[in-house]
C-alpha atoms as a PDB file:
ATOM      1  CA  MET A   1    -184.790  35.197-127.972  1.00  0.00           C
ATOM      2  CA  SER A   2    -188.392  34.050-127.722  1.00  0.00           C
ATOM      3  CA  ASP A   3    -189.692  31.957-124.839  1.00  0.00           C
ATOM      4  CA  ASP A   4    -190.682  29.141-127.200  1.00  0.00           C
ATOM      5  CA  HIS A   5    -187.023  28.615-128.186  1.00  0.00           C
ATOM      6  CA  PRO A   6    -184.835  29.244-125.122  1.00  0.00           C
ATOM      7  CA  PHE A   7    -181.079  29.465-125.431  1.00  0.00           C
ATOM      8  CA  PRO A   8    -179.415  26.785-123.276  1.00  0.00           C
ATOM      9  CA  THR A   9    -176.557  27.600-120.960  1.00  0.00           C
ATOM     10  CA  ILE A  10    -173.616  25.275-121.485  1.00  0.00           C
ATOM     11  CA  THR A  11    -170.289  25.662-119.733  1.00  0.00           C
ATOM     12  CA  GLN A  12    -166.996  23.907-120.281  1.00  0.00           C
ATOM     13  CA  TYR A  13    -167.354  22.365-116.810  1.00  0.00           C
ATOM     14  CA  ALA A  14    -170.050  19.799-116.064  1.00  0.00           C
ATOM     15  CA  SER A  15    -170.675  21.224-112.580  1.00  0.00           C
ATOM     16  CA  GLU A  16    -171.739  24.825-113.178  1.00  0.00           C
ATOM     17  CA  ASP A  17    -171.854  25.466-109.431  1.00  0.00           C
ATOM     18  CA  LEU A  18    -168.116  24.722-109.172  1.00  0.00           C
ATOM     19  CA  ILE A  19    -166.879  27.098-111.893  1.00  0.00           C
ATOM     20  CA  ALA A  20    -165.511  29.637-109.396  1.00  0.00           C
ATOM     21  CA  ALA A  21    -163.679  26.866-107.546  1.00  0.00           C
ATOM     22  CA  PHE A  22    -162.080  25.603-110.778  1.00  0.00           C
ATOM     23  CA  VAL A  23    -161.203  28.994-112.224  1.00  0.00           C
ATOM     24  CA  TYR A  24    -160.377  31.140-109.202  1.00  0.00           C
ATOM     25  CA  GLU A  25    -159.732  28.821-106.258  1.00  0.00           C
ATOM     26  CA  GLY A  26    -157.463  26.223-107.835  1.00  0.00           C
ATOM     27  CA  ARG A  27    -159.755  23.231-107.544  1.00  0.00           C
ATOM     28  CA  ALA A  28    -158.460  20.451-109.801  1.00  0.00           C
ATOM     29  CA  HIS A  29    -160.535  20.032-112.953  1.00  0.00           C
ATOM     30  CA  ASP A  30    -160.571  16.267-112.490  1.00  0.00           C
ATOM     31  CA  ASP A  31    -162.340  16.847-109.152  1.00  0.00           C
ATOM     32  CA  ASP A  32    -165.656  17.529-110.896  1.00  0.00           C
ATOM     33  CA  PRO A  33    -168.255  15.064-109.572  1.00  0.00           C
ATOM     34  CA  ARG A  34    -170.312  15.396-112.776  1.00  0.00           C
ATOM     35  CA  TRP A  35    -167.408  14.891-115.212  1.00  0.00           C
ATOM     36  CA  ALA A  36    -169.028  11.871-116.927  1.00  0.00           C
ATOM     37  CA  GLU A  37    -171.917  14.060-118.160  1.00  0.00           C
ATOM     38  CA  SER A  38    -169.426  15.793-120.483  1.00  0.00           C
ATOM     39  CA  GLY A  39    -168.943  12.655-122.546  1.00  0.00           C
ATOM     40  CA  ALA A  40    -165.279  12.380-121.543  1.00  0.00           C
ATOM     41  CA  PRO A  41    -163.954   8.833-121.792  1.00  0.00           C
ATOM     42  CA  ASP A  42    -162.395   9.087-118.309  1.00  0.00           C
ATOM     43  CA  VAL A  43    -161.807  11.591-115.525  1.00  0.00           C
ATOM     44  CA  GLU A  44    -158.160  12.132-116.516  1.00  0.00           C
ATOM     45  CA  THR A  45    -159.164  13.217-120.030  1.00  0.00           C
ATOM     46  CA  TYR A  46    -161.843  15.476-118.566  1.00  0.00           C
ATOM     47  CA  GLY A  47    -159.295  17.021-116.210  1.00  0.00           C
ATOM     48  CA  ARG A  48    -156.834  17.667-119.040  1.00  0.00           C
ATOM     49  CA  TRP A  49    -159.324  19.251-121.469  1.00  0.00           C
ATOM     50  CA  SER A  50    -162.205  20.838-119.524  1.00  0.00           C
ATOM     51  CA  GLY A  51    -160.322  24.054-118.830  1.00  0.00           C
ATOM     52  CA  HIS A  52    -159.664  24.549-122.544  1.00  0.00           C
ATOM     53  CA  MET A  53    -163.103  23.948-124.053  1.00  0.00           C
ATOM     54  CA  CYS A  54    -164.878  27.305-123.877  1.00  0.00           C
ATOM     55  CA  GLY A  55    -165.193  27.342-127.670  1.00  0.00           C
ATOM     56  CA  ILE A  56    -166.607  23.811-127.671  1.00  0.00           C
ATOM     57  CA  ALA A  57    -169.181  24.882-125.068  1.00  0.00           C
ATOM     58  CA  CYS A  58    -170.204  27.807-127.306  1.00  0.00           C
ATOM     59  CA  LEU A  59    -170.503  25.510-130.316  1.00  0.00           C
ATOM     60  CA  ARG A  60    -172.655  23.083-128.329  1.00  0.00           C
ATOM     61  CA  MET A  61    -174.933  25.947-127.202  1.00  0.00           C
ATOM     62  CA  ALA A  62    -175.391  27.067-130.798  1.00  0.00           C
ATOM     63  CA  LEU A  63    -176.151  23.541-131.994  1.00  0.00           C
ATOM     64  CA  LEU A  64    -178.654  22.940-129.202  1.00  0.00           C
ATOM     65  CA  THR A  65    -180.350  26.245-129.949  1.00  0.00           C
ATOM     66  CA  ARG A  66    -180.572  25.477-133.651  1.00  0.00           C
ATOM     67  CA  THR A  67    -181.933  21.929-133.535  1.00  0.00           C
ATOM     68  CA  GLY A  68    -182.344  20.911-129.906  1.00  0.00           C
ATOM     69  CA  GLU A  69    -179.683  18.252-130.414  1.00  0.00           C
ATOM     70  CA  ALA A  70    -175.902  18.223-130.162  1.00  0.00           C
ATOM     71  CA  ALA A  71    -173.075  15.796-129.657  1.00  0.00           C
ATOM     72  CA  THR A  72    -171.424  15.670-126.242  1.00  0.00           C
ATOM     73  CA  MET A  73    -168.626  18.090-125.426  1.00  0.00           C
ATOM     74  CA  PHE A  74    -166.002  15.431-126.004  1.00  0.00           C
ATOM     75  CA  GLU A  75    -167.544  14.191-129.244  1.00  0.00           C
ATOM     76  CA  LEU A  76    -167.333  17.785-130.488  1.00  0.00           C
ATOM     77  CA  LEU A  77    -163.749  18.002-129.216  1.00  0.00           C
ATOM     78  CA  ASP A  78    -162.840  14.816-131.096  1.00  0.00           C
ATOM     79  CA  GLY A  79    -164.379  16.234-134.276  1.00  0.00           C
ATOM     80  CA  ALA A  80    -162.562  19.544-133.883  1.00  0.00           C
ATOM     81  CA  ARG A  81    -159.256  17.759-133.336  1.00  0.00           C
ATOM     82  CA  LYS A  82    -159.715  15.847-136.599  1.00  0.00           C
ATOM     83  CA  TYR A  83    -159.606  19.242-138.356  1.00  0.00           C
ATOM     84  CA  GLY A  84    -156.506  20.462-136.527  1.00  0.00           C
ATOM     85  CA  ALA A  85    -158.119  22.393-133.669  1.00  0.00           C
ATOM     86  CA  TYR A  86    -157.312  21.860-130.005  1.00  0.00           C
ATOM     87  CA  THR A  87    -153.828  20.518-130.521  1.00  0.00           C
ATOM     88  CA  GLU A  88    -151.527  19.423-127.730  1.00  0.00           C
ATOM     89  CA  GLY A  89    -148.120  21.006-127.407  1.00  0.00           C
ATOM     90  CA  PRO A  90    -146.336  23.971-125.883  1.00  0.00           C
ATOM     91  CA  ALA A  91    -148.314  27.138-125.351  1.00  0.00           C
ATOM     92  CA  PRO A  92    -147.852  29.817-128.038  1.00  0.00           C
ATOM     93  CA  GLY A  93    -144.657  31.764-127.491  1.00  0.00           C
ATOM     94  CA  ARG A  94    -143.089  28.995-125.413  1.00  0.00           C
ATOM     95  CA  SER A  95    -140.496  26.568-126.587  1.00  0.00           C
ATOM     96  CA  ALA A  96    -140.825  22.845-126.041  1.00  0.00           C
ATOM     97  CA  ALA A  97    -138.498  21.772-123.272  1.00  0.00           C
END
């Protein structure tokens, strides 16, 4: 990629410096001090969804690279959910209890 059009780094967590703590050390996702930057309506929603939005982060990176503009992570999540993505329910292969 050329220097005049850098590719942004977007992660599913607002605090990039805390990724290891969230993923490997068990830190609660709703304990992200920068959660509001994600566009989440509240910290509880951020905590519920942030660990599942890798694909949304990739989409946001692509959109930012293409035009320099993109909706927030949670605006993209809301749009994806309108088309049946990111549903809530039991994990695949598990029955609802």
